């Protein structure tokens, strides 16, 4: 289990442009997916990879992994900080909620 003082998550990411086609494919075959929970994810990246991608595409803004714990994050004081910290902690504990391979089959 990761150290409680440092969030070690590998975020699942998906482009908003990919969500619609994936959902459409799921609705096309309702019997196959009925009753199943499908977590949408186009890829699983490290925090450093996300920072590199954001820095590349959102220049001149630069992003870096601050390695903040979820406890520290919850104290940032902006609306939703505590809820986001809980979400990050949940993803830290439950790393298997997304099926990247399934989503790549639905929307290659």
Foldseek 3Di string as FASTA:
>chain_A
DDDQFFQWFFDFDDDPVLPVLLVVLCVVCVVVCPPHDADDGQDTGGPQVVQVVCVVVVPPDHDDRPRGHLVRQCPPPDPCSNVVSVVSVVCSVVVPRHDNVSSVVSPD
